[in-house]
Every structure is written in structure tokens, then in C-alpha cells.
Amino acid sequence: MKILFVKLKSVIITMVVIFAVVFGIFLTAHTLSDAVSAEARMIPIYNVDTNKNKVAVTFNCAVGNSDIDSILATLDEYNVKATFFLLGSWADDYTEEVQKIYDEGHEIGNHSYSHKDMPSMTYEDILLDIQKCNETVRNITGHSPTLFRAPSGSYDNKTISAAENLRMMTIQWDAEPLATVGNGCI
């Protein structure tokens, strides 16, 4: 009887060990499968590595227009070209300023139409918002932006995917001013 009890105990322990090993393998395989199939985080362009002594100057235009002439005069004085990321609704309100920025040879980027938090929006709504800004800029200048900057720098994969679907590159910044330049562009 004692021998039977020892053998039964050994069988139970062996079964528990085998179960634990199989369960561990299942968990590991499931976790690895999730990790491999998980969507990789998309990252916008923050900077461009170059050996040249260059800096990219960008402005986000979303409120007011009082500083546009001053900004453009300063850029012209130093023979500097910049990229102005325009909010579509701002462009609707300040068409003369948009045309002036464009006519002076500066690049115009898309900063969305409505400045909503893109990660909280559906993919379709993001597409529509970006497209509406592109249409606004195109109606004023005759050209559509090819660069996109998410409002407040808030983005997720669907935000970047929407911009890429519209053949646009998503651009962030790697240095931020401590305050706005005036009542308008920062």
C-alpha cells in the first residue's frame, strides 16, 4: 500500500509539473504572439540628421494675425524661409495673410482644420479634418500642403496613417518656445 501511495504521489507531482510547463509554454507563446502581431508605434519626424549647419524654423498659426507682418519682415531681413503650419479655420479667417506667407516663398503646412485632439477622433474624421485644411489652403494658394503637424502635438498611429494616406509627412518639433510670439503664430 505504501508503495502504491508513493507511486500515486509521484504521478500527481509529475502531472502537476507537466501541466505547469505546458501552461507556461502556452502563456509565453500567447504573449509572444501578441507582441509580434501588435501594431508598432508610428513616430512622426522630430528632426533630420544632417552634417549641414541648418535649423528648421516653424510656426503654428491658430489664433489672431497681429504678428504675421512682423514675423515675415524678420524672416525676410535675415533671408530665412520657414514653414507655417496653418489651422484651416485660421486660414479661412486670414486669407490675405495665407497668401502673403505663400507669396514670400515660405512653406505652408497643415495643422488640421479644427485643432481637435486627433487620438480621440475616428480615422475617418481625422482624414476629413486634414483634407478640409488642405482644401482651404489650396483654394487660397493653389497648392496643397505636403506636411502635417498634429494639434498640440497629440498623435497616434491612426493620425499618422491618415496623413500618410493623404501623401503627407507628419512633422513634430524638438524645441518649443516658452511663450507665443504674439497674438497668432507660435
N, C-alpha and C. Protein backbone atom coordinates (compact mmCIF):
# COMPACT_ATOMS: atom_id res chain seq x y z
N MET A 1 0.81 -1.18 0.00
CA MET A 1 0.00 0.00 0.00
C MET A 1 0.86 1.25 0.00
N LYS A 2 1.96 1.20 0.80
CA LYS A 2 2.85 2.33 0.88
C LYS A 2 3.51 2.59 -0.48
N ILE A 3 3.87 1.54 -1.18
CA ILE A 3 4.49 1.69 -2.50
C ILE A 3 3.49 2.31 -3.47
N LEU A 4 2.24 1.89 -3.41
CA LEU A 4 1.20 2.44 -4.27
C LEU A 4 1.01 3.93 -3.99
N PHE A 5 1.02 4.31 -2.71
CA PHE A 5 0.85 5.71 -2.33
C PHE A 5 2.01 6.56 -2.85
N VAL A 6 3.25 6.08 -2.75
CA VAL A 6 4.42 6.79 -3.23
C VAL A 6 4.35 6.95 -4.75
N LYS A 7 3.94 5.87 -5.46
CA LYS A 7 3.83 5.95 -6.90
C LYS A 7 2.73 6.92 -7.31
N LEU A 8 1.59 6.91 -6.61
CA LEU A 8 0.49 7.83 -6.91
C LEU A 8 0.92 9.27 -6.67
N LYS A 9 1.64 9.49 -5.58
CA LYS A 9 2.14 10.82 -5.27
C LYS A 9 3.11 11.28 -6.37
N SER A 10 3.99 10.41 -6.83
CA SER A 10 4.94 10.73 -7.89
C SER A 10 4.21 11.05 -9.19
N VAL A 11 3.17 10.30 -9.50
CA VAL A 11 2.39 10.53 -10.71
C VAL A 11 1.70 11.89 -10.64
N ILE A 12 1.12 12.21 -9.50
CA ILE A 12 0.43 13.50 -9.33
C ILE A 12 1.41 14.66 -9.45
N ILE A 13 2.54 14.55 -8.81
CA ILE A 13 3.57 15.61 -8.89
C ILE A 13 4.04 15.76 -10.33
N THR A 14 4.27 14.65 -11.02
CA THR A 14 4.70 14.69 -12.41
C THR A 14 3.64 15.36 -13.28
N MET A 15 2.37 15.04 -13.05
CA MET A 15 1.29 15.64 -13.83
C MET A 15 1.21 17.16 -13.56
N VAL A 16 1.37 17.56 -12.31
CA VAL A 16 1.34 18.98 -11.98
C VAL A 16 2.49 19.71 -12.66
N VAL A 17 3.68 19.12 -12.64
CA VAL A 17 4.84 19.73 -13.29
C VAL A 17 4.61 19.82 -14.80
N ILE A 18 4.11 18.75 -15.40
CA ILE A 18 3.84 18.77 -16.85
C ILE A 18 2.79 19.83 -17.17
N PHE A 19 1.73 19.91 -16.36
CA PHE A 19 0.69 20.91 -16.58
C PHE A 19 1.28 22.32 -16.48
N ALA A 20 2.10 22.56 -15.47
CA ALA A 20 2.72 23.87 -15.29
C ALA A 20 3.61 24.23 -16.48
N VAL A 21 4.38 23.27 -16.95
CA VAL A 21 5.26 23.52 -18.10
C VAL A 21 4.42 23.82 -19.35
N VAL A 22 3.40 23.02 -19.60
CA VAL A 22 2.55 23.24 -20.78
C VAL A 22 1.84 24.59 -20.67
N PHE A 23 1.31 24.91 -19.50
CA PHE A 23 0.62 26.19 -19.29
C PHE A 23 1.60 27.35 -19.47
N GLY A 24 2.81 27.20 -18.96
CA GLY A 24 3.84 28.23 -19.14
C GLY A 24 4.20 28.44 -20.59
N ILE A 25 4.33 27.33 -21.33
CA ILE A 25 4.63 27.43 -22.77
C ILE A 25 3.48 28.13 -23.49
N PHE A 26 2.24 27.79 -23.13
CA PHE A 26 1.07 28.41 -23.75
C PHE A 26 1.07 29.93 -23.49
N LEU A 27 1.30 30.30 -22.24
CA LEU A 27 1.30 31.74 -21.90
C LEU A 27 2.42 32.48 -22.64
N THR A 28 3.59 31.89 -22.67
CA THR A 28 4.72 32.51 -23.35
C THR A 28 4.43 32.66 -24.83
N ALA A 29 3.91 31.61 -25.45
CA ALA A 29 3.59 31.66 -26.88
C ALA A 29 2.51 32.70 -27.16
N HIS A 30 1.49 32.76 -26.30
CA HIS A 30 0.40 33.72 -26.49
C HIS A 30 0.93 35.15 -26.34
N THR A 31 1.77 35.40 -25.35
CA THR A 31 2.34 36.72 -25.13
C THR A 31 3.24 37.12 -26.29
N LEU A 32 4.08 36.19 -26.77
CA LEU A 32 4.94 36.48 -27.91
C LEU A 32 4.11 36.75 -29.16
N SER A 33 3.05 35.98 -29.33
CA SER A 33 2.18 36.18 -30.48
C SER A 33 1.55 37.56 -30.44
N ASP A 34 1.08 37.99 -29.27
CA ASP A 34 0.51 39.33 -29.12
C ASP A 34 1.55 40.39 -29.40
N ALA A 35 2.76 40.20 -28.92
CA ALA A 35 3.83 41.18 -29.12
C ALA A 35 4.21 41.30 -30.59
N VAL A 36 4.26 40.17 -31.27
CA VAL A 36 4.64 40.18 -32.68
C VAL A 36 3.53 40.79 -33.53
N SER A 37 2.27 40.50 -33.19
CA SER A 37 1.18 40.99 -34.01
C SER A 37 0.74 42.40 -33.61
N ALA A 38 1.18 42.89 -32.48
CA ALA A 38 0.79 44.23 -32.05
C ALA A 38 1.32 45.27 -33.02
N GLU A 39 0.52 46.28 -33.26
CA GLU A 39 0.90 47.34 -34.19
C GLU A 39 2.03 48.16 -33.59
N ALA A 40 3.08 48.34 -34.35
CA ALA A 40 4.22 49.12 -33.88
C ALA A 40 3.82 50.59 -33.80
N ARG A 41 4.33 51.29 -32.82
CA ARG A 41 4.02 52.71 -32.66
C ARG A 41 4.70 53.49 -33.77
N MET A 42 3.91 54.27 -34.49
CA MET A 42 4.43 55.11 -35.56
C MET A 42 4.92 56.42 -34.95
N ILE A 43 6.02 56.92 -35.44
CA ILE A 43 6.63 58.13 -34.91
C ILE A 43 6.76 59.16 -36.02
N PRO A 44 6.31 60.39 -35.78
CA PRO A 44 6.50 61.44 -36.79
C PRO A 44 7.95 61.88 -36.85
N ILE A 45 8.25 62.76 -37.78
CA ILE A 45 9.61 63.30 -37.91
C ILE A 45 9.79 64.39 -36.85
N TYR A 46 10.77 64.22 -35.99
CA TYR A 46 11.10 65.23 -34.98
C TYR A 46 12.28 66.09 -35.43
N ASN A 47 13.21 65.49 -36.12
CA ASN A 47 14.36 66.22 -36.65
C ASN A 47 14.97 65.40 -37.77
N VAL A 48 15.84 66.05 -38.52
CA VAL A 48 16.51 65.39 -39.63
C VAL A 48 18.01 65.43 -39.37
N ASP A 49 18.63 64.28 -39.40
CA ASP A 49 20.06 64.20 -39.16
C ASP A 49 20.81 64.69 -40.41
N THR A 50 21.65 65.69 -40.23
CA THR A 50 22.41 66.24 -41.34
C THR A 50 23.75 66.75 -40.85
N ASN A 51 24.72 66.78 -41.74
CA ASN A 51 26.03 67.34 -41.41
C ASN A 51 26.08 68.84 -41.67
N LYS A 52 25.04 69.37 -42.29
CA LYS A 52 24.99 70.79 -42.60
C LYS A 52 24.55 71.59 -41.39
N ASN A 53 25.01 72.82 -41.29
CA ASN A 53 24.60 73.71 -40.21
C ASN A 53 23.27 74.35 -40.59
N LYS A 54 22.19 73.65 -40.29
CA LYS A 54 20.85 74.12 -40.64
C LYS A 54 19.91 73.93 -39.48
N VAL A 55 18.90 74.77 -39.47
CA VAL A 55 17.83 74.64 -38.50
C VAL A 55 16.52 74.86 -39.24
N ALA A 56 15.50 74.14 -38.89
CA ALA A 56 14.18 74.33 -39.49
C ALA A 56 13.37 75.23 -38.56
N VAL A 57 12.89 76.34 -39.10
CA VAL A 57 12.07 77.27 -38.34
C VAL A 57 10.62 77.03 -38.72
N THR A 58 9.78 76.76 -37.72
CA THR A 58 8.37 76.52 -38.00
C THR A 58 7.51 77.36 -37.06
N PHE A 59 6.32 77.66 -37.53
CA PHE A 59 5.34 78.39 -36.74
C PHE A 59 4.00 77.67 -36.86
N ASN A 60 3.25 77.65 -35.78
CA ASN A 60 1.87 77.16 -35.81
C ASN A 60 0.97 78.38 -35.76
N CYS A 61 0.13 78.56 -36.75
CA CYS A 61 -0.78 79.70 -36.80
C CYS A 61 -2.19 79.22 -36.51
N ALA A 62 -2.74 79.69 -35.38
CA ALA A 62 -4.05 79.22 -34.97
C ALA A 62 -4.94 80.32 -34.40
N VAL A 63 -4.35 81.41 -33.91
CA VAL A 63 -5.14 82.46 -33.26
C VAL A 63 -4.60 83.82 -33.68
N GLY A 64 -5.43 84.67 -34.17
CA GLY A 64 -5.04 86.04 -34.49
C GLY A 64 -4.05 86.14 -35.63
N ASN A 65 -3.81 87.41 -36.03
CA ASN A 65 -2.89 87.64 -37.15
C ASN A 65 -1.97 88.83 -36.91
N SER A 66 -1.98 89.37 -35.72
CA SER A 66 -1.26 90.61 -35.46
C SER A 66 0.25 90.51 -35.62
N ASP A 67 0.81 89.33 -35.55
CA ASP A 67 2.26 89.19 -35.62
C ASP A 67 2.78 88.74 -36.98
N ILE A 68 1.92 88.46 -37.92
CA ILE A 68 2.34 87.92 -39.21
C ILE A 68 3.30 88.86 -39.93
N ASP A 69 2.93 90.14 -40.06
CA ASP A 69 3.80 91.09 -40.77
C ASP A 69 5.17 91.19 -40.11
N SER A 70 5.21 91.22 -38.80
CA SER A 70 6.48 91.31 -38.07
C SER A 70 7.32 90.06 -38.28
N ILE A 71 6.69 88.90 -38.22
CA ILE A 71 7.42 87.64 -38.43
C ILE A 71 7.98 87.60 -39.85
N LEU A 72 7.15 87.93 -40.82
CA LEU A 72 7.60 87.89 -42.22
C LEU A 72 8.71 88.90 -42.47
N ALA A 73 8.63 90.09 -41.87
CA ALA A 73 9.68 91.10 -42.05
C ALA A 73 11.00 90.61 -41.45
N THR A 74 10.94 89.99 -40.28
CA THR A 74 12.16 89.48 -39.63
C THR A 74 12.77 88.35 -40.45
N LEU A 75 11.95 87.44 -40.92
CA LEU A 75 12.46 86.34 -41.75
C LEU A 75 13.10 86.90 -43.03
N ASP A 76 12.46 87.90 -43.63
CA ASP A 76 12.99 88.50 -44.86
C ASP A 76 14.31 89.22 -44.59
N GLU A 77 14.39 89.92 -43.46
CA GLU A 77 15.60 90.66 -43.11
C GLU A 77 16.81 89.74 -43.03
N TYR A 78 16.61 88.53 -42.55
CA TYR A 78 17.72 87.58 -42.39
C TYR A 78 17.74 86.52 -43.49
N ASN A 79 16.92 86.72 -44.52
CA ASN A 79 16.88 85.81 -45.66
C ASN A 79 16.62 84.36 -45.20
N VAL A 80 15.62 84.20 -44.34
CA VAL A 80 15.27 82.90 -43.78
C VAL A 80 13.89 82.49 -44.29
N LYS A 81 13.78 81.24 -44.67
CA LYS A 81 12.49 80.67 -45.04
C LYS A 81 12.03 79.77 -43.91
N ALA A 82 10.73 79.76 -43.66
CA ALA A 82 10.16 78.98 -42.57
C ALA A 82 8.98 78.18 -43.09
N THR A 83 8.52 77.27 -42.25
CA THR A 83 7.30 76.54 -42.53
C THR A 83 6.24 77.01 -41.55
N PHE A 84 5.10 77.42 -42.09
CA PHE A 84 3.97 77.87 -41.29
C PHE A 84 2.90 76.79 -41.32
N PHE A 85 2.66 76.16 -40.16
CA PHE A 85 1.61 75.16 -40.05
C PHE A 85 0.32 75.89 -39.71
N LEU A 86 -0.59 75.91 -40.67
CA LEU A 86 -1.81 76.70 -40.54
C LEU A 86 -3.00 75.85 -40.14
N LEU A 87 -3.75 76.36 -39.20
CA LEU A 87 -5.04 75.79 -38.88
C LEU A 87 -6.00 76.20 -40.01
N GLY A 88 -6.76 75.28 -40.52
CA GLY A 88 -7.65 75.58 -41.64
C GLY A 88 -8.65 76.69 -41.33
N SER A 89 -9.21 76.67 -40.11
CA SER A 89 -10.16 77.72 -39.75
C SER A 89 -9.46 79.07 -39.66
N TRP A 90 -8.19 79.08 -39.25
CA TRP A 90 -7.40 80.32 -39.22
C TRP A 90 -7.20 80.81 -40.65
N ALA A 91 -6.87 79.91 -41.54
CA ALA A 91 -6.66 80.28 -42.95
C ALA A 91 -7.94 80.86 -43.55
N ASP A 92 -9.09 80.30 -43.19
CA ASP A 92 -10.36 80.85 -43.66
C ASP A 92 -10.55 82.30 -43.21
N ASP A 93 -10.13 82.60 -41.99
CA ASP A 93 -10.29 83.94 -41.43
C ASP A 93 -9.24 84.92 -41.94
N TYR A 94 -8.07 84.44 -42.32
CA TYR A 94 -6.94 85.31 -42.67
C TYR A 94 -6.36 84.95 -44.04
N THR A 95 -7.19 84.95 -45.04
CA THR A 95 -6.77 84.55 -46.39
C THR A 95 -5.65 85.45 -46.92
N GLU A 96 -5.68 86.74 -46.64
CA GLU A 96 -4.62 87.64 -47.12
C GLU A 96 -3.27 87.27 -46.52
N GLU A 97 -3.26 86.92 -45.24
CA GLU A 97 -2.02 86.53 -44.58
C GLU A 97 -1.50 85.21 -45.14
N VAL A 98 -2.40 84.28 -45.41
CA VAL A 98 -2.00 83.00 -46.00
C VAL A 98 -1.34 83.25 -47.36
N GLN A 99 -1.96 84.07 -48.17
CA GLN A 99 -1.42 84.37 -49.49
C GLN A 99 -0.06 85.08 -49.37
N LYS A 100 0.06 85.98 -48.41
CA LYS A 100 1.32 86.70 -48.20
C LYS A 100 2.43 85.73 -47.80
N ILE A 101 2.13 84.82 -46.88
CA ILE A 101 3.12 83.81 -46.45
C ILE A 101 3.58 83.00 -47.65
N TYR A 102 2.63 82.57 -48.44
CA TYR A 102 2.93 81.76 -49.62
C TYR A 102 3.72 82.57 -50.65
N ASP A 103 3.27 83.78 -50.93
CA ASP A 103 3.93 84.63 -51.95
C ASP A 103 5.37 84.96 -51.57
N GLU A 104 5.68 85.02 -50.29
CA GLU A 104 7.05 85.32 -49.86
C GLU A 104 7.94 84.07 -49.84
N GLY A 105 7.41 82.95 -50.32
CA GLY A 105 8.23 81.76 -50.51
C GLY A 105 8.35 80.84 -49.32
N HIS A 106 7.51 81.03 -48.33
CA HIS A 106 7.54 80.14 -47.16
C HIS A 106 6.66 78.93 -47.42
N GLU A 107 7.01 77.84 -46.77
CA GLU A 107 6.23 76.62 -46.93
C GLU A 107 5.01 76.68 -46.02
N ILE A 108 3.90 76.16 -46.52
CA ILE A 108 2.68 76.10 -45.71
C ILE A 108 2.38 74.64 -45.42
N GLY A 109 2.27 74.36 -44.13
CA GLY A 109 1.91 73.03 -43.67
C GLY A 109 0.50 73.02 -43.09
N ASN A 110 -0.02 71.84 -42.90
CA ASN A 110 -1.38 71.62 -42.41
C ASN A 110 -1.32 71.36 -40.91
N HIS A 111 -2.12 72.11 -40.15
CA HIS A 111 -2.18 71.93 -38.68
C HIS A 111 -3.59 71.49 -38.28
N SER A 112 -4.30 70.87 -39.22
CA SER A 112 -5.69 70.41 -39.11
C SER A 112 -6.62 71.58 -39.41
N TYR A 113 -7.87 71.28 -39.53
CA TYR A 113 -8.83 72.37 -39.74
C TYR A 113 -9.34 72.91 -38.42
N SER A 114 -9.60 72.01 -37.47
CA SER A 114 -10.34 72.40 -36.27
C SER A 114 -9.55 72.38 -34.97
N HIS A 115 -8.31 71.89 -34.99
CA HIS A 115 -7.46 71.78 -33.79
C HIS A 115 -8.07 70.88 -32.73
N LYS A 116 -8.72 69.79 -33.16
CA LYS A 116 -9.25 68.81 -32.22
C LYS A 116 -8.16 67.81 -31.85
N ASP A 117 -8.37 67.13 -30.72
CA ASP A 117 -7.44 66.10 -30.26
C ASP A 117 -7.60 64.88 -31.16
N MET A 118 -6.65 64.67 -32.04
CA MET A 118 -6.77 63.62 -33.06
C MET A 118 -6.89 62.20 -32.49
N PRO A 119 -6.14 61.82 -31.44
CA PRO A 119 -6.30 60.45 -30.94
C PRO A 119 -7.72 60.14 -30.44
N SER A 120 -8.50 61.16 -30.10
CA SER A 120 -9.87 60.91 -29.65
C SER A 120 -10.85 60.85 -30.82
N MET A 121 -10.37 61.08 -32.03
CA MET A 121 -11.22 61.08 -33.22
C MET A 121 -11.13 59.74 -33.94
N THR A 122 -12.12 59.47 -34.78
CA THR A 122 -12.05 58.27 -35.63
C THR A 122 -11.08 58.54 -36.78
N TYR A 123 -10.61 57.49 -37.38
CA TYR A 123 -9.71 57.61 -38.53
C TYR A 123 -10.37 58.43 -39.63
N GLU A 124 -11.62 58.16 -39.89
CA GLU A 124 -12.35 58.86 -40.96
C GLU A 124 -12.47 60.36 -40.64
N ASP A 125 -12.74 60.70 -39.39
CA ASP A 125 -12.85 62.11 -39.01
C ASP A 125 -11.50 62.83 -39.09
N ILE A 126 -10.42 62.11 -38.78
CA ILE A 126 -9.08 62.69 -38.92
C ILE A 126 -8.82 63.00 -40.39
N LEU A 127 -9.10 62.03 -41.26
CA LEU A 127 -8.92 62.24 -42.70
C LEU A 127 -9.69 63.48 -43.18
N LEU A 128 -10.95 63.57 -42.78
CA LEU A 128 -11.79 64.69 -43.21
C LEU A 128 -11.25 66.03 -42.71
N ASP A 129 -10.76 66.05 -41.46
CA ASP A 129 -10.24 67.29 -40.88
C ASP A 129 -8.98 67.75 -41.61
N ILE A 130 -8.08 66.81 -41.89
CA ILE A 130 -6.85 67.14 -42.61
C ILE A 130 -7.19 67.58 -44.04
N GLN A 131 -8.08 66.84 -44.69
CA GLN A 131 -8.47 67.18 -46.06
C GLN A 131 -9.11 68.57 -46.13
N LYS A 132 -9.93 68.90 -45.15
CA LYS A 132 -10.60 70.21 -45.16
C LYS A 132 -9.57 71.34 -45.07
N CYS A 133 -8.54 71.16 -44.26
CA CYS A 133 -7.47 72.17 -44.19
C CYS A 133 -6.74 72.24 -45.52
N ASN A 134 -6.41 71.09 -46.10
CA ASN A 134 -5.73 71.08 -47.41
C ASN A 134 -6.54 71.84 -48.46
N GLU A 135 -7.84 71.58 -48.49
CA GLU A 135 -8.71 72.25 -49.46
C GLU A 135 -8.73 73.76 -49.23
N THR A 136 -8.77 74.17 -47.98
CA THR A 136 -8.77 75.60 -47.65
C THR A 136 -7.50 76.26 -48.17
N VAL A 137 -6.36 75.65 -47.87
CA VAL A 137 -5.07 76.21 -48.31
C VAL A 137 -4.99 76.20 -49.84
N ARG A 138 -5.42 75.12 -50.46
CA ARG A 138 -5.38 75.02 -51.92
C ARG A 138 -6.27 76.09 -52.58
N ASN A 139 -7.43 76.36 -51.98
CA ASN A 139 -8.32 77.38 -52.52
C ASN A 139 -7.71 78.78 -52.45
N ILE A 140 -6.83 79.00 -51.48
CA ILE A 140 -6.19 80.32 -51.32
C ILE A 140 -4.93 80.43 -52.17
N THR A 141 -4.09 79.40 -52.13
CA THR A 141 -2.76 79.49 -52.77
C THR A 141 -2.65 78.74 -54.09
N GLY A 142 -3.55 77.81 -54.31
CA GLY A 142 -3.45 76.96 -55.50
C GLY A 142 -2.62 75.71 -55.25
N HIS A 143 -2.08 75.56 -54.05
CA HIS A 143 -1.24 74.39 -53.72
C HIS A 143 -1.69 73.78 -52.40
N SER A 144 -1.60 72.45 -52.32
CA SER A 144 -1.95 71.73 -51.09
C SER A 144 -0.70 71.47 -50.27
N PRO A 145 -0.82 71.54 -48.95
CA PRO A 145 0.33 71.20 -48.09
C PRO A 145 0.73 69.74 -48.23
N THR A 146 2.01 69.48 -48.02
CA THR A 146 2.52 68.11 -48.00
C THR A 146 3.02 67.71 -46.62
N LEU A 147 3.03 68.69 -45.71
CA LEU A 147 3.46 68.44 -44.33
C LEU A 147 2.27 68.62 -43.40
N PHE A 148 2.24 67.80 -42.35
CA PHE A 148 1.16 67.85 -41.37
C PHE A 148 1.75 67.89 -39.97
N ARG A 149 1.18 68.72 -39.11
CA ARG A 149 1.56 68.75 -37.69
C ARG A 149 0.29 68.60 -36.88
N ALA A 150 0.24 67.59 -36.04
CA ALA A 150 -0.96 67.32 -35.23
C ALA A 150 -1.18 68.43 -34.20
N PRO A 151 -2.43 68.80 -33.98
CA PRO A 151 -2.75 69.81 -32.97
C PRO A 151 -2.21 69.40 -31.60
N SER A 152 -1.58 70.34 -30.93
CA SER A 152 -0.99 70.13 -29.60
C SER A 152 0.08 69.05 -29.59
N GLY A 153 0.51 68.61 -30.75
CA GLY A 153 1.50 67.53 -30.83
C GLY A 153 0.93 66.19 -30.42
N SER A 154 -0.39 66.08 -30.35
CA SER A 154 -1.06 64.86 -29.89
C SER A 154 -1.39 63.98 -31.09
N TYR A 155 -0.78 62.81 -31.15
CA TYR A 155 -0.96 61.92 -32.29
C TYR A 155 -0.98 60.48 -31.83
N ASP A 156 -1.47 59.63 -32.69
CA ASP A 156 -1.39 58.19 -32.51
C ASP A 156 -1.20 57.57 -33.90
N ASN A 157 -1.19 56.26 -33.98
CA ASN A 157 -0.94 55.61 -35.27
C ASN A 157 -1.98 55.99 -36.32
N LYS A 158 -3.24 56.10 -35.91
CA LYS A 158 -4.25 56.42 -36.92
C LYS A 158 -4.08 57.84 -37.44
N THR A 159 -3.56 58.75 -36.60
CA THR A 159 -3.30 60.13 -37.04
C THR A 159 -2.21 60.13 -38.12
N ILE A 160 -1.11 59.47 -37.85
CA ILE A 160 0.00 59.42 -38.81
C ILE A 160 -0.43 58.65 -40.06
N SER A 161 -1.17 57.56 -39.89
CA SER A 161 -1.65 56.79 -41.04
C SER A 161 -2.56 57.63 -41.93
N ALA A 162 -3.42 58.43 -41.33
CA ALA A 162 -4.32 59.29 -42.12
C ALA A 162 -3.51 60.28 -42.94
N ALA A 163 -2.51 60.90 -42.32
CA ALA A 163 -1.66 61.85 -43.05
C ALA A 163 -0.91 61.13 -44.18
N GLU A 164 -0.36 59.97 -43.88
CA GLU A 164 0.35 59.21 -44.91
C GLU A 164 -0.58 58.81 -46.05
N ASN A 165 -1.82 58.46 -45.72
CA ASN A 165 -2.80 58.11 -46.75
C ASN A 165 -3.06 59.29 -47.69
N LEU A 166 -2.88 60.50 -47.18
CA LEU A 166 -3.04 61.71 -47.99
C LEU A 166 -1.70 62.16 -48.59
N ARG A 167 -0.70 61.28 -48.51
CA ARG A 167 0.66 61.54 -49.04
C ARG A 167 1.31 62.73 -48.35
N MET A 168 1.14 62.79 -47.03
CA MET A 168 1.72 63.87 -46.24
C MET A 168 2.65 63.27 -45.20
N MET A 169 3.69 64.02 -44.85
CA MET A 169 4.60 63.61 -43.78
C MET A 169 4.19 64.35 -42.50
N THR A 170 4.19 63.61 -41.39
CA THR A 170 3.85 64.20 -40.10
C THR A 170 5.12 64.72 -39.44
N ILE A 171 5.09 65.99 -39.08
CA ILE A 171 6.26 66.69 -38.54
C ILE A 171 5.95 67.16 -37.12
N GLN A 172 6.85 66.90 -36.20
CA GLN A 172 6.75 67.43 -34.84
C GLN A 172 7.82 68.50 -34.67
N TRP A 173 8.13 68.82 -33.46
CA TRP A 173 9.18 69.79 -33.16
C TRP A 173 10.06 69.19 -32.08
N ASP A 174 11.30 69.68 -32.00
CA ASP A 174 12.17 69.18 -30.94
C ASP A 174 12.64 70.30 -30.02
N ALA A 175 12.14 71.50 -30.23
CA ALA A 175 12.37 72.62 -29.31
C ALA A 175 11.12 73.48 -29.35
N GLU A 176 10.73 73.99 -28.19
CA GLU A 176 9.48 74.74 -28.12
C GLU A 176 9.73 76.07 -27.44
N PRO A 177 9.09 77.14 -27.96
CA PRO A 177 9.26 78.44 -27.31
C PRO A 177 8.58 78.45 -25.95
N LEU A 178 9.06 79.33 -25.09
CA LEU A 178 8.45 79.44 -23.76
C LEU A 178 7.13 80.21 -23.80
N ALA A 179 6.95 81.03 -24.81
CA ALA A 179 5.72 81.80 -24.93
C ALA A 179 5.41 82.02 -26.39
N THR A 180 4.20 82.49 -26.67
CA THR A 180 3.84 82.78 -28.04
C THR A 180 4.61 84.01 -28.51
N VAL A 181 4.76 84.12 -29.82
CA VAL A 181 5.47 85.25 -30.43
C VAL A 181 4.62 86.50 -30.36
N GLY A 182 3.35 86.35 -30.34
CA GLY A 182 2.43 87.48 -30.31
C GLY A 182 1.03 86.93 -30.22
N ASN A 183 0.12 87.56 -30.89
CA ASN A 183 -1.24 87.07 -30.88
C ASN A 183 -1.49 86.32 -32.18
N GLY A 184 -0.96 85.15 -32.31
CA GLY A 184 -1.17 84.40 -33.54
C GLY A 184 -0.27 83.21 -33.65
N CYS A 185 0.85 83.34 -34.30
CA CYS A 185 1.74 82.21 -34.57
C CYS A 185 2.69 81.97 -33.43
N ILE A 186 2.95 80.70 -33.16
CA ILE A 186 3.97 80.34 -32.16
C ILE A 186 4.96 79.39 -32.79
